Amino acid sequence: MEKNTKVILIFFLAIVILVLVMYFSVTNPNDNKEEIVNISTGFFPALGSGEIKIIEFSDFACPVCKLQEPILKQVSEEYGDKISFYYRNFPLPSHKNSFDAALASSCANEQEKFWEYHDLLFGNQGNFEKELLERIASQLGLNTQEFNECLDSEKYKEQVNEDLDEGKKAGVRGTPTFFIDGKRYEGFQSLESLKNILG
């Protein structure tokens, strides 16, 4: 009887260990990074024209995304024409007016000033009230009447929602999330980490 009890106990412990291993492998934040995800580059122009494709899902109101920006700029400078960098909107509901900032970036893109507007949004990170979004447009010399009409009408709401939907389908759960040649990397990436990925 005692021998049978030990066998049952060992079997039970083996099942528990197997379940725990399966759980942590499923919930690992970078669990799918080796899986190649076929994801589009979105609506905004690329920085660079290289073969290595970096797609970032980001939120202009995300503090971590702001911290990531200088590192991304350094990577762009160092790797030059080896990479193509794309930005995709993923405004989180927990960040006030981040959806409006995403809409505004699309309106700036309409006037071929996406990256300049992108930089100033991160430089003025806050609540992104309409007055601030319009002031940034004016600062860049955009046609403010066209910009304001674009923003007021939510002209690019469908575009922002497409970014959100595709991100969610590809496993994006927070910002920043990167797809580098189709492999997913979640969260803040140090310069060293990105260099190791890019080779």
Protein backbone atom coordinates (compact mmCIF):
# COMPACT_ATOMS: atom_id res chain seq x y z
CA MET A 1 0.00 0.00 0.00
CA GLU A 2 2.84 2.38 0.95
CA LYS A 3 4.59 1.64 -2.38
CA ASN A 4 1.40 2.47 -4.30
CA THR A 5 1.06 5.75 -2.39
CA LYS A 6 4.62 6.78 -3.36
CA VAL A 7 3.96 5.95 -7.02
CA ILE A 8 0.77 8.02 -7.00
CA LEU A 9 2.58 10.91 -5.27
CA ILE A 10 5.43 10.87 -7.80
CA PHE A 11 2.93 10.73 -10.67
CA PHE A 12 1.01 13.67 -9.19
CA LEU A 13 4.17 15.76 -8.76
CA ALA A 14 5.20 15.00 -12.35
CA ILE A 15 1.81 16.24 -13.59
CA VAL A 16 2.13 19.43 -11.49
CA ILE A 17 5.62 20.12 -12.86
CA LEU A 18 4.45 19.50 -16.43
CA VAL A 19 1.51 21.90 -15.98
CA LEU A 20 3.81 24.58 -14.53
CA VAL A 21 6.29 24.23 -17.40
CA MET A 22 3.48 24.50 -19.94
CA TYR A 23 2.03 27.55 -18.14
CA PHE A 24 5.28 29.50 -18.07
CA SER A 25 6.11 28.65 -21.67
CA VAL A 26 2.70 30.02 -22.72
CA THR A 27 2.91 33.19 -20.62
CA ASN A 28 6.51 34.08 -21.42
CA PRO A 29 6.34 37.70 -22.76
CA ASN A 30 8.61 36.82 -25.66
CA ASP A 31 7.10 33.39 -26.24
CA ASN A 32 6.47 33.96 -29.95
CA LYS A 33 9.56 35.92 -30.87
CA GLU A 34 10.94 32.98 -32.84
CA GLU A 35 7.70 32.71 -34.77
CA ILE A 36 7.74 34.76 -37.96
CA VAL A 37 4.67 37.01 -38.09
CA ASN A 38 3.54 38.31 -41.45
CA ILE A 39 2.64 41.88 -40.54
CA SER A 40 2.21 44.93 -42.75
CA THR A 41 4.28 48.09 -42.36
CA GLY A 42 1.26 50.33 -41.90
CA PHE A 43 0.46 53.76 -43.26
CA PHE A 44 3.44 55.91 -42.33
CA PRO A 45 6.64 56.44 -44.35
CA ALA A 46 9.72 54.46 -43.42
CA LEU A 47 12.88 55.87 -41.93
CA GLY A 48 15.60 54.31 -44.06
CA SER A 49 15.34 51.88 -46.93
CA GLY A 50 17.33 48.88 -45.74
CA GLU A 51 16.46 45.20 -45.88
CA ILE A 52 16.10 44.75 -42.10
CA LYS A 53 12.52 45.73 -41.31
CA ILE A 54 11.70 47.12 -37.84
CA ILE A 55 8.05 47.77 -37.06
CA GLU A 56 7.21 49.39 -33.74
CA PHE A 57 3.74 49.45 -32.20
CA SER A 58 3.82 52.45 -29.92
CA ASP A 59 1.75 54.96 -27.97
CA PHE A 60 2.69 58.66 -27.92
CA ALA A 61 1.52 58.87 -24.28
CA CYS A 62 3.55 55.85 -23.14
CA PRO A 63 6.50 56.88 -20.88
CA VAL A 64 8.48 53.76 -21.79
CA CYS A 65 8.02 54.51 -25.50
CA LYS A 66 9.45 57.97 -24.90
CA LEU A 67 12.49 56.43 -23.18
CA GLN A 68 12.89 54.12 -26.17
CA GLU A 69 13.05 57.00 -28.69
CA PRO A 70 16.70 58.12 -28.25
CA ILE A 71 17.84 54.50 -28.52
CA LEU A 72 15.89 54.03 -31.75
CA LYS A 73 17.42 57.21 -33.15
CA GLN A 74 20.90 55.96 -32.28
CA VAL A 75 20.19 52.63 -33.97
CA SER A 76 18.92 54.48 -37.06
CA GLU A 77 22.10 56.56 -37.18
CA GLU A 78 24.45 53.62 -36.65
CA TYR A 79 22.75 51.18 -39.02
CA GLY A 80 21.84 53.77 -41.64
CA ASP A 81 20.70 52.18 -44.88
CA LYS A 82 20.71 48.65 -43.42
CA ILE A 83 17.31 49.10 -41.76
CA SER A 84 13.83 50.37 -42.54
CA PHE A 85 11.96 51.62 -39.48
CA TYR A 86 8.15 51.85 -39.38
CA TYR A 87 5.85 53.31 -36.73
CA ARG A 88 2.37 51.97 -36.03
CA ASN A 89 -0.12 53.48 -33.62
CA PHE A 90 -1.24 51.45 -30.62
CA PRO A 91 -2.91 53.99 -28.29
CA LEU A 92 -3.74 52.42 -24.95
CA PRO A 93 -7.11 53.26 -23.33
CA SER A 94 -5.34 53.94 -20.02
CA HIS A 95 -3.48 56.92 -21.54
CA LYS A 96 -5.54 60.10 -21.73
CA ASN A 97 -6.03 61.46 -25.25
CA SER A 98 -3.47 59.08 -26.76
CA PHE A 99 -6.00 58.14 -29.46
CA ASP A 100 -6.27 61.85 -30.35
CA ALA A 101 -2.49 62.05 -30.61
CA ALA A 102 -2.54 59.08 -32.97
CA LEU A 103 -5.18 60.81 -35.10
CA ALA A 104 -3.10 63.99 -35.13
CA SER A 105 0.01 62.13 -36.29
CA SER A 106 -2.01 60.80 -39.23
CA CYS A 107 -3.18 64.32 -40.08
CA ALA A 108 0.44 65.49 -40.02
CA ASN A 109 1.35 62.59 -42.29
CA GLU A 110 -1.22 63.88 -44.76
CA GLN A 111 1.00 66.96 -45.08
CA GLU A 112 4.19 64.86 -45.23
CA LYS A 113 5.35 65.82 -41.75
CA PHE A 114 4.77 62.59 -39.85
CA TRP A 115 8.23 62.07 -38.39
CA GLU A 116 8.63 65.71 -37.38
CA TYR A 117 5.23 65.61 -35.67
CA HIS A 118 6.08 62.24 -34.12
CA ASP A 119 9.22 63.73 -32.52
CA LEU A 120 7.37 66.74 -31.12
CA LEU A 121 4.60 64.58 -29.68
CA PHE A 122 7.14 62.62 -27.67
CA GLY A 123 8.92 65.87 -26.79
CA ASN A 124 5.66 67.32 -25.43
CA GLN A 125 4.33 64.15 -23.87
CA GLY A 126 1.34 64.93 -21.67
CA ASN A 127 -2.43 64.89 -21.91
CA PHE A 128 -2.44 65.87 -25.59
CA GLU A 129 -5.31 68.31 -25.36
CA LYS A 130 -6.53 69.62 -28.71
CA GLU A 131 -4.81 72.97 -28.16
CA LEU A 132 -1.41 71.27 -27.84
CA LEU A 133 -1.95 69.09 -30.91
CA GLU A 134 -2.87 72.17 -32.96
CA ARG A 135 0.06 74.17 -31.57
CA ILE A 136 2.52 71.47 -32.65
CA ALA A 137 1.06 71.55 -36.15
CA SER A 138 1.48 75.32 -36.27
CA GLN A 139 5.03 75.02 -34.95
CA LEU A 140 5.87 72.74 -37.90
CA GLY A 141 4.37 75.15 -40.40
CA LEU A 142 1.51 72.87 -41.40
CA ASN A 143 -1.62 74.21 -43.03
CA THR A 144 -3.44 74.59 -39.73
CA GLN A 145 -6.91 74.91 -41.23
CA GLU A 146 -6.54 71.60 -43.06
CA PHE A 147 -4.92 70.00 -40.03
CA ASN A 148 -7.66 71.17 -37.64
CA GLU A 149 -10.42 70.00 -39.98
CA CYS A 150 -8.70 66.63 -40.29
CA LEU A 151 -8.40 66.29 -36.51
CA ASP A 152 -11.94 67.51 -35.75
CA SER A 153 -13.48 65.09 -38.24
CA GLU A 154 -11.44 62.13 -36.93
CA LYS A 155 -10.58 61.51 -40.57
CA TYR A 156 -8.08 58.75 -39.79
CA LYS A 157 -10.00 56.96 -37.04
CA GLU A 158 -10.31 53.85 -39.22
CA GLN A 159 -6.57 53.88 -39.92
CA VAL A 160 -5.71 54.03 -36.20
CA ASN A 161 -8.17 51.23 -35.49
CA GLU A 162 -6.58 49.14 -38.25
CA ASP A 163 -3.21 49.53 -36.52
CA LEU A 164 -4.78 48.49 -33.22
CA ASP A 165 -6.59 45.50 -34.72
CA GLU A 166 -3.57 44.18 -36.59
CA GLY A 167 -1.37 44.67 -33.53
CA LYS A 168 -3.76 42.69 -31.34
CA LYS A 169 -3.97 39.89 -33.91
CA ALA A 170 -0.17 39.74 -34.00
CA GLY A 171 0.01 39.40 -30.21
CA VAL A 172 0.71 42.99 -29.18
CA ARG A 173 -0.30 43.36 -25.54
CA GLY A 174 1.44 46.59 -24.62
CA THR A 175 3.84 49.26 -25.82
CA PRO A 176 6.41 49.32 -27.13
CA THR A 177 6.28 46.08 -29.09
CA PHE A 178 8.65 45.47 -31.99
CA PHE A 179 8.56 43.16 -34.98
CA ILE A 180 12.07 42.80 -36.38
CA ASP A 181 12.01 40.84 -39.61
CA GLY A 182 8.77 39.34 -38.38
CA LYS A 183 9.95 38.28 -34.91
CA ARG A 184 8.18 39.84 -31.94
CA TYR A 185 10.02 41.56 -29.08
CA GLU A 186 7.98 43.06 -26.27
CA GLY A 187 8.82 45.97 -24.01
CA PHE A 188 11.79 48.29 -23.71
CA GLN A 189 14.83 47.25 -25.74
CA SER A 190 18.26 48.48 -24.71
CA LEU A 191 20.79 49.56 -27.32
CA GLU A 192 22.80 46.42 -26.61
CA SER A 193 19.72 44.24 -27.01
CA LEU A 194 18.80 45.79 -30.35
CA LYS A 195 22.36 45.47 -31.62
CA ASN A 196 22.37 41.78 -30.68
CA ILE A 197 19.09 41.28 -32.54
CA LEU A 198 20.22 43.21 -35.61
CA GLY A 199 23.68 41.58 -35.68
